[in-house]
Protein backbone atom coordinates (compact mmCIF):
# COMPACT_ATOMS: atom_id res chain seq x y z
CA UNK A 1 14.13 12.07 -13.96
CA UNK A 2 16.71 12.85 -11.36
CA UNK A 3 19.33 10.20 -10.65
CA UNK A 4 20.91 9.42 -7.32
CA UNK A 5 24.32 7.87 -6.65
CA UNK A 6 24.82 6.58 -3.13
CA UNK A 7 28.11 4.94 -2.22
CA UNK A 8 28.16 5.63 1.49
CA UNK A 9 27.34 3.72 4.64
CA UNK A 10 24.08 4.89 6.17
CA UNK A 11 22.28 3.97 9.33
CA UNK A 12 18.61 3.16 8.92
CA UNK A 13 17.73 6.51 10.51
CA UNK A 14 19.95 8.33 8.03
CA UNK A 15 18.35 6.43 5.16
CA UNK A 16 14.90 7.37 6.43
CA UNK A 17 15.92 11.03 6.55
CA UNK A 18 17.20 10.79 2.97
CA UNK A 19 13.96 9.19 1.79
CA UNK A 20 11.92 11.92 3.48
CA UNK A 21 13.64 14.41 1.16
CA UNK A 22 12.31 12.67 -1.96
CA UNK A 23 9.34 13.99 -3.87
CA UNK A 24 6.04 12.22 -3.27
CA UNK A 25 6.31 10.68 -6.75
CA UNK A 26 9.78 9.28 -6.03
CA UNK A 27 8.64 7.98 -2.63
CA UNK A 28 5.90 6.02 -4.39
CA UNK A 29 8.42 4.60 -6.87
CA UNK A 30 10.66 3.56 -4.00
CA UNK A 31 7.72 2.01 -2.19
CA UNK A 32 6.77 0.03 -5.29
CA UNK A 33 10.35 -1.19 -5.66
CA UNK A 34 10.50 -2.32 -2.03
CA UNK A 35 7.05 -3.92 -1.85
CA UNK A 36 6.90 -5.73 -5.15
CA UNK A 37 4.13 -8.20 -5.79
CA UNK A 38 6.37 -11.20 -5.25
CA UNK A 39 5.95 -10.95 -1.49
CA UNK A 40 4.25 -14.05 -0.12
CA UNK A 41 2.17 -13.74 3.03
CA UNK A 42 3.27 -16.53 5.41
CA UNK A 43 0.65 -19.17 6.11
CA UNK A 44 0.82 -18.50 9.85
CA UNK A 45 -0.19 -14.87 9.20
CA UNK A 46 -3.18 -16.07 7.21
CA UNK A 47 -4.13 -18.44 10.04
CA UNK A 48 -4.08 -15.58 12.56
CA UNK A 49 -6.35 -13.46 10.36
CA UNK A 50 -8.74 -16.37 9.79
CA UNK A 51 -8.90 -17.03 13.55
CA UNK A 52 -9.63 -13.37 14.27
CA UNK A 53 -12.37 -13.24 11.65
CA UNK A 54 -13.90 -16.40 13.11
CA UNK A 55 -13.74 -14.90 16.62
CA UNK A 56 -15.48 -11.71 15.54
CA UNK A 57 -18.10 -13.66 13.59
CA UNK A 58 -18.82 -15.65 16.76
CA UNK A 59 -18.71 -12.60 19.05
CA UNK A 60 -19.71 -9.44 17.15
CA UNK A 61 -19.83 -7.51 20.43
CA UNK A 62 -16.01 -7.62 20.44
CA UNK A 63 -15.93 -5.10 17.60
CA UNK A 64 -15.48 -1.46 18.48
CA UNK A 65 -17.01 1.40 16.53
CA UNK A 66 -14.22 3.41 14.88
CA UNK A 67 -15.97 6.75 15.39
CA UNK A 68 -16.25 6.08 19.12
CA UNK A 69 -12.66 4.87 19.41
CA UNK A 70 -11.25 7.79 17.40
CA UNK A 71 -12.98 10.27 19.70
CA UNK A 72 -11.11 8.84 22.68
CA UNK A 73 -7.71 9.23 21.02
């Protein structure tokens, strides 16, 4: 495993450029370290999702077909 020592000030853009240079395996490790399972989804986010699901259940015509939408992109 390759080690990295970073003792410099970086802008977010510079950090992104550094991360882009990592191997796919190391990017996944970094992702796992950043998005650990201790993240709690705020209740207000859950309420928004529940409201959207309820809206679609009540009005299925609101849904768009992905194949049709992707063709217009």
